[in-house]
């Protein structure tokens, strides 16, 4: 598949837990061809993706493969979505955030090597915008804000408002938006991560089965 495609699918293999460390894996991945082979006692099935991220892939590599082009597009006015899918315990939170955030505040500046796609995306966005502001002093300003919503039982809820009131999805000729959702203004990466932590702890928690 070419880089010009609108939708790209990546598969990340989570390392085995310590409990299964001595169990032979049924997966064989080839990042060069974007393929994963699943071997069963009586057959083998191969799947092809735009990219395959092995169990040794670190967070920096995952960001570069999966998110960097989406962030670049965003900075050039192109909408983008990163959709993480998988059953409970498959590594979605670690990939998107890193070690799970806790409490209303994020300790430190979230600059450790295990930070995920969201903090790395915020870093890249602010780095580019601040660089442009310095280069074009007096002629370049920006306003960055975020919303944080949850789709639960086919209903949309605002995780930054502290309210259980259902949000309404509105569609116009050129956009889709959540009417009444809180827009948190962001001046730096830490403010973005604090908003993420606040919303994260307001979620309705349920397991994703397969």
N, C-alpha and C. Protein backbone atom coordinates (compact mmCIF):
# COMPACT_ATOMS: atom_id res chain seq x y z
N UNK A 1 0.83 -1.20 0.00
CA UNK A 1 0.00 0.00 0.00
C UNK A 1 0.87 1.25 0.00
N UNK A 2 0.40 2.28 -0.66
CA UNK A 2 1.22 3.48 -0.81
C UNK A 2 0.99 4.45 0.34
N UNK A 3 1.92 5.41 0.48
CA UNK A 3 1.82 6.41 1.54
C UNK A 3 0.65 7.36 1.30
N UNK A 4 0.13 7.40 0.06
CA UNK A 4 -0.93 8.33 -0.27
C UNK A 4 -2.31 7.83 0.15
N UNK A 5 -2.42 6.61 0.63
CA UNK A 5 -3.71 6.07 1.02
C UNK A 5 -4.27 6.82 2.21
N UNK A 6 -5.60 6.95 2.24
CA UNK A 6 -6.25 7.67 3.32
C UNK A 6 -6.24 6.89 4.63
N UNK A 7 -6.31 5.58 4.54
CA UNK A 7 -6.34 4.74 5.74
C UNK A 7 -5.16 3.79 5.72
N UNK A 8 -4.41 3.79 6.81
CA UNK A 8 -3.30 2.85 6.97
C UNK A 8 -3.54 2.01 8.22
N UNK A 9 -3.24 0.75 8.13
CA UNK A 9 -3.45 -0.17 9.24
C UNK A 9 -2.10 -0.73 9.70
N UNK A 10 -1.81 -0.54 10.98
CA UNK A 10 -0.58 -1.07 11.57
C UNK A 10 -0.94 -2.07 12.66
N UNK A 11 -0.13 -3.09 12.79
CA UNK A 11 -0.32 -4.10 13.84
C UNK A 11 0.90 -4.10 14.74
N UNK A 12 0.65 -3.96 16.04
CA UNK A 12 1.73 -4.00 17.02
C UNK A 12 1.60 -5.27 17.85
N UNK A 13 2.69 -6.01 17.96
CA UNK A 13 2.69 -7.24 18.74
C UNK A 13 3.17 -6.95 20.15
N UNK A 14 2.34 -7.29 21.11
CA UNK A 14 2.72 -7.09 22.50
C UNK A 14 3.62 -8.24 22.96
N UNK A 15 4.69 -7.93 23.70
CA UNK A 15 5.54 -9.01 24.24
C UNK A 15 4.74 -9.92 25.16
N UNK A 16 5.14 -11.17 25.26
CA UNK A 16 4.49 -12.11 26.17
C UNK A 16 4.67 -11.66 27.62
N UNK A 17 3.70 -11.95 28.44
CA UNK A 17 3.84 -11.68 29.87
C UNK A 17 4.84 -12.65 30.46
N UNK A 18 5.29 -12.35 31.66
CA UNK A 18 6.24 -13.24 32.33
C UNK A 18 5.67 -14.65 32.51
N UNK A 19 4.35 -14.72 32.68
CA UNK A 19 3.70 -16.01 32.87
C UNK A 19 3.85 -16.90 31.64
N UNK A 20 3.85 -16.26 30.44
CA UNK A 20 3.93 -17.01 29.19
C UNK A 20 5.31 -16.91 28.54
N UNK A 21 6.29 -16.47 29.30
CA UNK A 21 7.62 -16.21 28.73
C UNK A 21 8.24 -17.45 28.09
N UNK A 22 7.94 -18.62 28.61
CA UNK A 22 8.55 -19.85 28.09
C UNK A 22 7.67 -20.59 27.09
N UNK A 23 6.56 -19.96 26.69
CA UNK A 23 5.65 -20.58 25.73
C UNK A 23 6.04 -20.17 24.32
N UNK A 24 6.05 -21.12 23.41
CA UNK A 24 6.40 -20.85 22.02
C UNK A 24 5.33 -19.97 21.37
N UNK A 25 5.75 -18.87 20.76
CA UNK A 25 4.81 -17.97 20.12
C UNK A 25 4.26 -18.58 18.83
N UNK A 26 2.98 -18.30 18.57
CA UNK A 26 2.36 -18.78 17.33
C UNK A 26 2.44 -17.73 16.23
N UNK A 27 3.08 -16.58 16.52
CA UNK A 27 3.16 -15.48 15.56
C UNK A 27 4.56 -15.36 14.97
N UNK A 28 4.60 -15.09 13.68
CA UNK A 28 5.85 -14.75 13.00
C UNK A 28 5.61 -13.47 12.22
N UNK A 29 6.37 -12.43 12.52
CA UNK A 29 6.14 -11.16 11.83
C UNK A 29 7.34 -10.80 10.97
N UNK A 30 7.05 -10.12 9.87
CA UNK A 30 8.08 -9.65 8.95
C UNK A 30 7.83 -8.17 8.68
N UNK A 31 8.46 -7.27 9.43
CA UNK A 31 8.25 -5.83 9.22
C UNK A 31 8.58 -5.38 7.81
N UNK A 32 9.50 -6.06 7.13
CA UNK A 32 9.89 -5.66 5.78
C UNK A 32 8.74 -5.79 4.79
N UNK A 33 7.90 -6.80 4.98
CA UNK A 33 6.76 -7.02 4.08
C UNK A 33 5.43 -6.64 4.71
N UNK A 34 5.45 -6.25 5.98
CA UNK A 34 4.21 -5.90 6.67
C UNK A 34 3.31 -7.09 6.92
N UNK A 35 3.88 -8.25 7.11
CA UNK A 35 3.07 -9.47 7.25
C UNK A 35 3.21 -10.09 8.64
N UNK A 36 2.12 -10.72 9.08
CA UNK A 36 2.11 -11.52 10.30
C UNK A 36 1.52 -12.87 9.96
N UNK A 37 2.22 -13.93 10.31
CA UNK A 37 1.73 -15.29 10.09
C UNK A 37 1.34 -15.90 11.43
N UNK A 38 0.15 -16.47 11.48
CA UNK A 38 -0.35 -17.13 12.68
C UNK A 38 -0.35 -18.63 12.41
N UNK A 39 0.40 -19.36 13.22
CA UNK A 39 0.54 -20.80 13.01
C UNK A 39 -0.28 -21.57 14.04
N UNK A 40 -1.17 -22.42 13.53
CA UNK A 40 -1.96 -23.33 14.36
C UNK A 40 -1.47 -24.75 14.09
N UNK A 41 -1.87 -25.73 14.90
CA UNK A 41 -1.40 -27.10 14.69
C UNK A 41 -1.68 -27.64 13.29
N UNK A 42 -2.79 -27.21 12.68
CA UNK A 42 -3.16 -27.79 11.39
C UNK A 42 -3.11 -26.83 10.22
N UNK A 43 -2.79 -25.55 10.46
CA UNK A 43 -2.75 -24.61 9.34
C UNK A 43 -1.99 -23.35 9.72
N UNK A 44 -1.72 -22.53 8.70
CA UNK A 44 -1.06 -21.25 8.91
C UNK A 44 -1.80 -20.19 8.12
N UNK A 45 -2.00 -19.03 8.72
CA UNK A 45 -2.71 -17.93 8.08
C UNK A 45 -1.84 -16.69 8.09
N UNK A 46 -1.77 -15.99 6.94
CA UNK A 46 -0.95 -14.79 6.85
C UNK A 46 -1.84 -13.56 6.69
N UNK A 47 -1.44 -12.47 7.36
CA UNK A 47 -2.16 -11.21 7.28
C UNK A 47 -1.18 -10.12 6.86
N UNK A 48 -1.65 -9.20 6.02
CA UNK A 48 -0.81 -8.13 5.50
C UNK A 48 -1.31 -6.78 6.01
N UNK A 49 -0.39 -5.95 6.49
CA UNK A 49 -0.72 -4.62 7.00
C UNK A 49 0.18 -3.59 6.33
N UNK A 50 -0.15 -2.31 6.53
CA UNK A 50 0.74 -1.26 6.04
C UNK A 50 2.08 -1.29 6.77
N UNK A 51 2.03 -1.61 8.05
CA UNK A 51 3.27 -1.76 8.82
C UNK A 51 3.03 -2.72 9.97
N UNK A 52 4.09 -3.42 10.35
CA UNK A 52 4.05 -4.35 11.47
C UNK A 52 5.10 -3.92 12.48
N UNK A 53 4.70 -3.81 13.73
CA UNK A 53 5.58 -3.38 14.81
C UNK A 53 5.80 -4.57 15.73
N UNK A 54 7.01 -5.07 15.75
CA UNK A 54 7.30 -6.28 16.52
C UNK A 54 7.33 -5.99 18.01
N UNK A 55 7.46 -7.05 18.80
CA UNK A 55 7.48 -6.89 20.25
C UNK A 55 8.70 -6.13 20.75
N UNK A 56 9.71 -5.96 19.89
CA UNK A 56 10.90 -5.20 20.29
C UNK A 56 10.82 -3.73 19.88
N UNK A 57 9.75 -3.33 19.20
CA UNK A 57 9.61 -1.94 18.76
C UNK A 57 9.40 -1.03 19.97
N UNK A 58 10.20 0.04 20.06
CA UNK A 58 10.03 0.97 21.18
C UNK A 58 9.02 2.06 20.83
N UNK A 59 8.68 2.89 21.81
CA UNK A 59 7.64 3.89 21.64
C UNK A 59 8.01 4.95 20.59
N UNK A 60 9.26 5.30 20.52
CA UNK A 60 9.70 6.29 19.52
C UNK A 60 9.48 5.76 18.11
N UNK A 61 9.82 4.49 17.89
CA UNK A 61 9.64 3.87 16.58
C UNK A 61 8.16 3.78 16.22
N UNK A 62 7.34 3.42 17.20
CA UNK A 62 5.90 3.31 16.96
C UNK A 62 5.33 4.66 16.55
N UNK A 63 5.73 5.73 17.25
CA UNK A 63 5.25 7.07 16.89
C UNK A 63 5.64 7.42 15.46
N UNK A 64 6.88 7.16 15.11
CA UNK A 64 7.37 7.49 13.77
C UNK A 64 6.60 6.75 12.69
N UNK A 65 6.28 5.49 12.95
CA UNK A 65 5.59 4.67 11.96
C UNK A 65 4.11 4.98 11.86
N UNK A 66 3.48 5.23 13.01
CA UNK A 66 2.03 5.29 13.06
C UNK A 66 1.48 6.72 13.06
N UNK A 67 2.14 7.62 13.78
CA UNK A 67 1.53 8.91 14.07
C UNK A 67 2.18 10.12 13.41
N UNK A 68 3.44 10.03 13.09
CA UNK A 68 4.17 11.21 12.62
C UNK A 68 3.51 11.83 11.40
N UNK A 69 3.09 11.01 10.44
CA UNK A 69 2.48 11.55 9.23
C UNK A 69 1.11 12.18 9.52
N UNK A 70 0.41 11.67 10.54
CA UNK A 70 -0.88 12.25 10.92
C UNK A 70 -0.67 13.63 11.54
N UNK A 71 0.33 13.76 12.39
CA UNK A 71 0.65 15.05 13.01
C UNK A 71 1.11 16.05 11.96
N UNK A 72 1.95 15.61 11.03
CA UNK A 72 2.39 16.49 9.94
C UNK A 72 1.19 17.00 9.15
N UNK A 73 0.24 16.12 8.87
CA UNK A 73 -0.97 16.53 8.15
C UNK A 73 -1.78 17.53 8.95
N UNK A 74 -1.93 17.28 10.25
CA UNK A 74 -2.67 18.20 11.12
C UNK A 74 -2.07 19.60 11.08
N UNK A 75 -0.75 19.67 11.12
CA UNK A 75 -0.07 20.97 11.11
C UNK A 75 -0.21 21.67 9.76
N UNK A 76 -0.65 20.93 8.76
CA UNK A 76 -0.90 21.51 7.44
C UNK A 76 -2.39 21.61 7.13
N UNK A 77 -3.22 21.52 8.19
CA UNK A 77 -4.65 21.73 8.02
C UNK A 77 -5.44 20.52 7.59
N UNK A 78 -4.88 19.33 7.75
CA UNK A 78 -5.57 18.11 7.32
C UNK A 78 -6.03 17.34 8.56
N UNK A 79 -7.32 17.02 8.62
CA UNK A 79 -7.84 16.25 9.74
C UNK A 79 -7.22 14.86 9.76
N UNK A 80 -7.03 14.32 10.95
CA UNK A 80 -6.45 12.98 11.06
C UNK A 80 -7.00 12.25 12.27
N UNK A 81 -7.02 10.93 12.19
CA UNK A 81 -7.50 10.10 13.29
C UNK A 81 -6.55 8.94 13.51
N UNK A 82 -6.25 8.65 14.76
CA UNK A 82 -5.50 7.44 15.12
C UNK A 82 -6.43 6.61 16.00
N UNK A 83 -6.79 5.44 15.51
CA UNK A 83 -7.78 4.59 16.16
C UNK A 83 -7.10 3.34 16.68
N UNK A 84 -7.06 3.20 18.00
CA UNK A 84 -6.42 2.03 18.61
C UNK A 84 -7.48 0.98 18.92
N UNK A 85 -7.28 -0.23 18.41
CA UNK A 85 -8.28 -1.29 18.57
C UNK A 85 -7.62 -2.54 19.12
N UNK A 86 -8.29 -3.18 20.06
CA UNK A 86 -7.78 -4.44 20.60
C UNK A 86 -8.50 -4.78 21.89
N UNK A 87 -8.41 -6.04 22.29
CA UNK A 87 -9.09 -6.47 23.50
C UNK A 87 -8.40 -5.92 24.73
N UNK A 88 -9.06 -6.02 25.87
CA UNK A 88 -8.48 -5.56 27.13
C UNK A 88 -7.14 -6.24 27.39
N UNK A 89 -6.13 -5.41 27.72
CA UNK A 89 -4.81 -5.95 28.02
C UNK A 89 -3.90 -6.11 26.81
N UNK A 90 -4.36 -5.65 25.64
CA UNK A 90 -3.54 -5.84 24.43
C UNK A 90 -2.49 -4.75 24.24
N UNK A 91 -2.56 -3.67 25.03
CA UNK A 91 -1.53 -2.63 24.95
C UNK A 91 -1.97 -1.32 24.34
N UNK A 92 -3.28 -1.09 24.22
CA UNK A 92 -3.78 0.15 23.62
C UNK A 92 -3.35 1.37 24.43
N UNK A 93 -3.57 1.31 25.74
CA UNK A 93 -3.23 2.45 26.61
C UNK A 93 -1.74 2.73 26.58
N UNK A 94 -0.93 1.69 26.66
CA UNK A 94 0.52 1.88 26.64
C UNK A 94 0.96 2.50 25.33
N UNK A 95 0.39 2.05 24.21
CA UNK A 95 0.76 2.60 22.91
C UNK A 95 0.36 4.06 22.78
N UNK A 96 -0.85 4.39 23.19
CA UNK A 96 -1.36 5.74 22.99
C UNK A 96 -0.87 6.73 24.04
N UNK A 97 -0.71 6.29 25.28
CA UNK A 97 -0.34 7.20 26.37
C UNK A 97 1.03 6.88 26.96
N UNK A 98 1.28 5.63 27.17
CA UNK A 98 2.46 5.19 27.91
C UNK A 98 1.99 4.58 29.21
N UNK A 99 2.83 4.55 30.24
CA UNK A 99 2.37 4.10 31.54
C UNK A 99 1.16 4.93 31.95
N UNK A 100 0.09 4.27 32.38
CA UNK A 100 -1.19 4.93 32.58
C UNK A 100 -1.11 6.10 33.54
N UNK A 101 -1.75 7.22 33.16
CA UNK A 101 -1.77 8.41 34.01
C UNK A 101 -2.73 8.20 35.17
N UNK A 102 -2.40 8.76 36.31
CA UNK A 102 -3.23 8.61 37.50
C UNK A 102 -3.41 9.96 38.18
N UNK A 103 -4.57 10.16 38.79
CA UNK A 103 -4.82 11.38 39.54
C UNK A 103 -5.11 12.55 38.63
N UNK A 104 -5.47 13.70 39.20
CA UNK A 104 -5.82 14.88 38.41
C UNK A 104 -4.63 15.60 37.81
N UNK A 105 -3.43 15.30 38.27
CA UNK A 105 -2.24 15.96 37.74
C UNK A 105 -1.25 14.93 37.21
N UNK A 106 -0.47 15.33 36.23
CA UNK A 106 0.58 14.47 35.71
C UNK A 106 1.88 14.86 36.39
N UNK A 107 2.51 13.91 37.05
CA UNK A 107 3.77 14.20 37.73
C UNK A 107 4.88 14.41 36.71
N UNK A 108 5.74 15.41 36.96
CA UNK A 108 6.85 15.65 36.06
C UNK A 108 6.38 16.23 34.74
N UNK A 109 7.21 16.09 33.73
CA UNK A 109 6.90 16.65 32.41
C UNK A 109 6.59 15.58 31.38
N UNK A 110 6.44 14.33 31.83
CA UNK A 110 6.10 13.22 30.94
C UNK A 110 7.11 13.08 29.82
N UNK A 111 8.39 13.15 30.18
CA UNK A 111 9.44 13.13 29.17
C UNK A 111 10.21 11.82 29.14
N UNK A 112 9.70 10.78 29.80
CA UNK A 112 10.42 9.51 29.82
C UNK A 112 10.27 8.79 28.48
N UNK A 113 11.12 7.82 28.24
CA UNK A 113 11.17 7.15 26.93
C UNK A 113 9.95 6.29 26.63
N UNK A 114 9.16 5.97 27.65
CA UNK A 114 7.99 5.12 27.43
C UNK A 114 6.72 5.91 27.14
N UNK A 115 6.81 7.23 27.03
CA UNK A 115 5.62 8.00 26.71
C UNK A 115 5.09 7.58 25.34
N UNK A 116 3.78 7.66 25.19
CA UNK A 116 3.14 7.12 23.99
C UNK A 116 2.85 8.15 22.91
N UNK A 117 1.93 7.77 22.02
CA UNK A 117 1.64 8.57 20.84
C UNK A 117 1.06 9.94 21.20
N UNK A 118 0.16 10.01 22.17
CA UNK A 118 -0.47 11.30 22.49
C UNK A 118 0.52 12.32 23.02
N UNK A 119 1.32 12.02 24.05
CA UNK A 119 2.30 13.02 24.50
C UNK A 119 3.33 13.36 23.43
N UNK A 120 3.76 12.38 22.65
CA UNK A 120 4.73 12.67 21.58
C UNK A 120 4.11 13.56 20.51
N UNK A 121 2.82 13.36 20.23
CA UNK A 121 2.14 14.21 19.25
C UNK A 121 2.03 15.63 19.76
N UNK A 122 1.67 15.79 21.04
CA UNK A 122 1.60 17.12 21.63
C UNK A 122 2.95 17.82 21.57
N UNK A 123 4.01 17.08 21.87
CA UNK A 123 5.36 17.65 21.82
C UNK A 123 5.68 18.15 20.42
N UNK A 124 5.39 17.32 19.42
CA UNK A 124 5.70 17.69 18.03
C UNK A 124 4.90 18.91 17.59
N UNK A 125 3.62 18.94 17.96
CA UNK A 125 2.76 20.07 17.57
C UNK A 125 3.27 21.37 18.18
N UNK A 126 3.53 21.37 19.48
CA UNK A 126 4.00 22.59 20.13
C UNK A 126 5.39 23.00 19.63
N UNK A 127 6.23 22.02 19.35
CA UNK A 127 7.57 22.33 18.84
C UNK A 127 7.49 23.09 17.52
N UNK A 128 6.64 22.62 16.62
CA UNK A 128 6.51 23.28 15.31
C UNK A 128 5.86 24.65 15.46
N UNK A 129 4.79 24.73 16.23
CA UNK A 129 4.08 26.01 16.38
C UNK A 129 4.94 27.06 17.07
N UNK A 130 5.66 26.67 18.11
CA UNK A 130 6.53 27.63 18.80
C UNK A 130 7.69 28.06 17.91
N UNK A 131 8.20 27.14 17.10
CA UNK A 131 9.27 27.48 16.17
C UNK A 131 8.79 28.51 15.16
N UNK A 132 7.58 28.32 14.64
CA UNK A 132 7.02 29.28 13.69
C UNK A 132 6.78 30.64 14.35
N UNK A 133 6.35 30.60 15.60
CA UNK A 133 6.10 31.85 16.31
C UNK A 133 7.38 32.64 16.51
N UNK A 134 8.48 31.95 16.81
CA UNK A 134 9.77 32.61 16.98
C UNK A 134 10.30 33.17 15.67
N UNK A 135 10.12 32.43 14.59
CA UNK A 135 10.62 32.86 13.28
C UNK A 135 9.83 34.03 12.73
N UNK A 136 8.52 34.06 13.03
CA UNK A 136 7.65 35.08 12.46
C UNK A 136 7.06 35.96 13.56
N UNK A 137 7.93 36.50 14.37
CA UNK A 137 7.49 37.29 15.52
C UNK A 137 6.58 38.43 15.09
N UNK A 138 5.43 38.49 15.76
CA UNK A 138 4.48 39.56 15.47
C UNK A 138 3.53 39.25 14.35
N UNK A 139 3.80 38.22 13.55
CA UNK A 139 2.93 37.91 12.42
C UNK A 139 2.32 36.51 12.51
N UNK A 140 2.73 35.73 13.50
CA UNK A 140 2.22 34.37 13.63
C UNK A 140 1.73 34.12 15.05
N UNK A 141 0.47 33.80 15.18
CA UNK A 141 -0.11 33.43 16.46
C UNK A 141 -0.90 32.14 16.26
N UNK A 142 -1.08 31.40 17.34
CA UNK A 142 -1.87 30.19 17.23
C UNK A 142 -2.73 30.00 18.47
N UNK A 143 -3.77 29.22 18.32
CA UNK A 143 -4.67 28.87 19.43
C UNK A 143 -4.90 27.37 19.36
N UNK A 144 -4.50 26.67 20.39
CA UNK A 144 -4.62 25.22 20.41
C UNK A 144 -5.53 24.81 21.57
N UNK A 145 -6.51 23.99 21.27
CA UNK A 145 -7.42 23.52 22.31
C UNK A 145 -7.71 22.04 22.11
N UNK A 146 -8.24 21.41 23.15
CA UNK A 146 -8.56 19.99 23.05
C UNK A 146 -9.92 19.72 23.68
N UNK A 147 -10.57 18.68 23.21
CA UNK A 147 -11.75 18.13 23.85
C UNK A 147 -11.46 16.67 24.17
N UNK A 148 -12.20 16.11 25.09
CA UNK A 148 -12.00 14.71 25.47
C UNK A 148 -13.38 14.11 25.72
N UNK A 149 -13.81 13.25 24.81
CA UNK A 149 -15.15 12.67 24.91
C UNK A 149 -15.07 11.15 24.89
N UNK A 150 -16.12 10.53 25.38
CA UNK A 150 -16.19 9.08 25.45
C UNK A 150 -17.50 8.60 24.82
N UNK A 151 -17.39 7.61 23.95
CA UNK A 151 -18.57 6.95 23.40
C UNK A 151 -18.83 5.71 24.24
N UNK A 152 -19.97 5.70 24.93
CA UNK A 152 -20.29 4.61 25.85
C UNK A 152 -21.75 4.23 25.68
N UNK A 153 -22.01 2.97 25.33
CA UNK A 153 -23.38 2.50 25.08
C UNK A 153 -24.09 3.37 24.05
N UNK A 154 -23.36 3.69 22.98
CA UNK A 154 -23.91 4.47 21.87
C UNK A 154 -24.26 5.91 22.26
N UNK A 155 -23.73 6.39 23.38
CA UNK A 155 -23.95 7.77 23.80
C UNK A 155 -22.60 8.45 24.00
N UNK A 156 -22.55 9.76 23.71
CA UNK A 156 -21.31 10.52 23.80
C UNK A 156 -21.31 11.39 25.06
N UNK A 157 -20.22 11.28 25.83
CA UNK A 157 -20.11 12.05 27.08
C UNK A 157 -18.83 12.87 27.09
N UNK A 158 -18.91 14.06 27.71
CA UNK A 158 -17.77 14.96 27.84
C UNK A 158 -17.00 14.61 29.10
N UNK A 159 -15.74 14.22 28.96
CA UNK A 159 -14.94 13.81 30.11
C UNK A 159 -14.23 14.98 30.79
N UNK A 160 -14.33 16.17 30.23
CA UNK A 160 -13.70 17.34 30.85
C UNK A 160 -14.69 18.23 31.59
N UNK A 161 -15.98 17.97 31.43
CA UNK A 161 -16.98 18.84 32.04
C UNK A 161 -17.38 18.40 33.44
N UNK A 162 -17.15 17.12 33.77
CA UNK A 162 -17.59 16.60 35.05
C UNK A 162 -19.09 16.37 35.10
N UNK A 163 -19.74 16.40 33.93
CA UNK A 163 -21.19 16.22 33.86
C UNK A 163 -21.52 14.91 33.15
N UNK A 164 -22.65 14.31 33.54
CA UNK A 164 -23.12 13.10 32.88
C UNK A 164 -24.09 13.40 31.74
N UNK A 165 -24.22 14.67 31.40
CA UNK A 165 -25.13 15.05 30.33
C UNK A 165 -24.59 14.56 28.98
N UNK A 166 -25.47 14.00 28.18
CA UNK A 166 -25.07 13.45 26.88
C UNK A 166 -24.80 14.56 25.88
N UNK A 167 -23.70 14.42 25.12
CA UNK A 167 -23.37 15.38 24.07
C UNK A 167 -24.08 15.01 22.77
N UNK A 168 -24.35 16.02 21.97
CA UNK A 168 -24.96 15.81 20.66
C UNK A 168 -23.91 15.99 19.57
N UNK A 169 -23.87 15.04 18.65
CA UNK A 169 -22.94 15.12 17.52
C UNK A 169 -23.62 15.93 16.42
N UNK A 170 -22.95 16.98 15.96
CA UNK A 170 -23.49 17.82 14.91
C UNK A 170 -22.61 17.72 13.66
N UNK A 171 -23.26 17.68 12.52
CA UNK A 171 -22.55 17.56 11.24
C UNK A 171 -22.90 18.75 10.37
N UNK A 172 -21.88 19.45 9.88
CA UNK A 172 -22.08 20.55 8.95
C UNK A 172 -21.46 20.17 7.61
N UNK A 173 -21.48 21.10 6.69
CA UNK A 173 -20.93 20.83 5.35
C UNK A 173 -19.44 20.52 5.40
N UNK A 174 -18.72 21.12 6.36
CA UNK A 174 -17.27 20.95 6.37
C UNK A 174 -16.70 20.45 7.69
N UNK A 175 -17.55 20.04 8.62
CA UNK A 175 -17.00 19.57 9.89
C UNK A 175 -18.00 18.71 10.65
N UNK A 176 -17.46 17.99 11.64
CA UNK A 176 -18.26 17.24 12.60
C UNK A 176 -17.81 17.69 13.98
N UNK A 177 -18.75 18.05 14.86
CA UNK A 177 -18.34 18.54 16.17
C UNK A 177 -19.33 18.09 17.24
N UNK A 178 -18.89 18.19 18.50
CA UNK A 178 -19.72 17.83 19.64
C UNK A 178 -20.27 19.11 20.26
N UNK A 179 -21.55 19.31 20.13
CA UNK A 179 -22.17 20.53 20.63
C UNK A 179 -22.09 20.60 22.15
N UNK A 180 -21.54 21.70 22.66
CA UNK A 180 -21.47 21.92 24.09
C UNK A 180 -20.27 21.31 24.78
N UNK A 181 -19.39 20.65 24.04
CA UNK A 181 -18.22 20.03 24.65
C UNK A 181 -17.24 21.09 25.14
N UNK A 182 -16.61 20.82 26.28
CA UNK A 182 -15.59 21.73 26.82
C UNK A 182 -14.38 21.74 25.90
N UNK A 183 -13.91 22.93 25.57
CA UNK A 183 -12.67 23.09 24.82
C UNK A 183 -11.62 23.65 25.77
N UNK A 184 -10.65 22.83 26.09
CA UNK A 184 -9.59 23.23 27.02
C UNK A 184 -8.46 23.89 26.24
N UNK A 185 -8.20 25.17 26.52
CA UNK A 185 -7.10 25.86 25.86
C UNK A 185 -5.77 25.34 26.39
N UNK A 186 -4.82 25.11 25.48
CA UNK A 186 -3.52 24.56 25.85
C UNK A 186 -2.41 25.53 25.49
N UNK A 187 -1.52 25.77 26.44
CA UNK A 187 -0.36 26.62 26.19
C UNK A 187 0.93 25.82 26.15
N UNK A 188 0.89 24.58 26.59
CA UNK A 188 2.09 23.74 26.59
C UNK A 188 1.69 22.27 26.69
N UNK A 189 2.68 21.40 26.58
CA UNK A 189 2.44 19.96 26.59
C UNK A 189 1.86 19.50 27.92
N UNK A 190 2.38 20.03 29.02
CA UNK A 190 1.92 19.58 30.33
C UNK A 190 0.45 19.87 30.54
N UNK A 191 -0.03 21.01 30.05
CA UNK A 191 -1.45 21.31 30.17
C UNK A 191 -2.28 20.29 29.40
N UNK A 192 -1.77 19.88 28.25
CA UNK A 192 -2.47 18.85 27.47
C UNK A 192 -2.52 17.53 28.20
N UNK A 193 -1.41 17.14 28.83
CA UNK A 193 -1.38 15.89 29.57
C UNK A 193 -2.23 15.96 30.84
N UNK A 194 -2.30 17.13 31.46
CA UNK A 194 -3.17 17.28 32.62
C UNK A 194 -4.64 17.12 32.23
N UNK A 195 -5.02 17.69 31.07
CA UNK A 195 -6.39 17.52 30.58
C UNK A 195 -6.67 16.05 30.30
N UNK A 196 -5.69 15.37 29.74
CA UNK A 196 -5.83 13.94 29.47
C UNK A 196 -6.03 13.16 30.76
N UNK A 197 -5.25 13.49 31.79
CA UNK A 197 -5.36 12.79 33.07
C UNK A 197 -6.72 13.01 33.72
N UNK A 198 -7.21 14.25 33.66
CA UNK A 198 -8.52 14.55 34.24
C UNK A 198 -9.61 13.76 33.54
N UNK A 199 -9.61 13.80 32.21
CA UNK A 199 -10.62 13.07 31.46
C UNK A 199 -10.50 11.57 31.62
N UNK A 200 -9.27 11.09 31.67
CA UNK A 200 -9.03 9.64 31.78
C UNK A 200 -9.68 9.07 33.03
N UNK A 201 -9.62 9.83 34.10
CA UNK A 201 -10.17 9.35 35.37
C UNK A 201 -11.68 9.54 35.48
N UNK A 202 -12.29 10.11 34.44
CA UNK A 202 -13.75 10.26 34.40
C UNK A 202 -14.41 9.18 33.54
N UNK A 203 -13.61 8.31 32.96
CA UNK A 203 -14.17 7.31 32.03
C UNK A 203 -15.06 6.29 32.74
N UNK A 204 -15.99 5.75 31.98
CA UNK A 204 -16.76 4.60 32.43
C UNK A 204 -15.98 3.36 32.00
N UNK A 205 -15.45 2.62 32.93
CA UNK A 205 -14.50 1.54 32.63
C UNK A 205 -15.26 0.25 32.32
N UNK A 206 -14.88 -0.37 31.19
CA UNK A 206 -15.44 -1.67 30.83
C UNK A 206 -14.43 -2.41 29.99
N UNK A 207 -14.39 -3.72 30.12
CA UNK A 207 -13.44 -4.52 29.35
C UNK A 207 -13.91 -4.67 27.91
N UNK A 208 -12.93 -4.77 27.00
CA UNK A 208 -13.22 -5.02 25.60
C UNK A 208 -12.90 -6.48 25.31
N UNK A 209 -13.92 -7.28 25.11
CA UNK A 209 -13.72 -8.71 24.87
C UNK A 209 -13.60 -8.99 23.38
N UNK A 210 -13.03 -10.16 23.07
CA UNK A 210 -12.94 -10.58 21.67
C UNK A 210 -13.42 -12.02 21.55
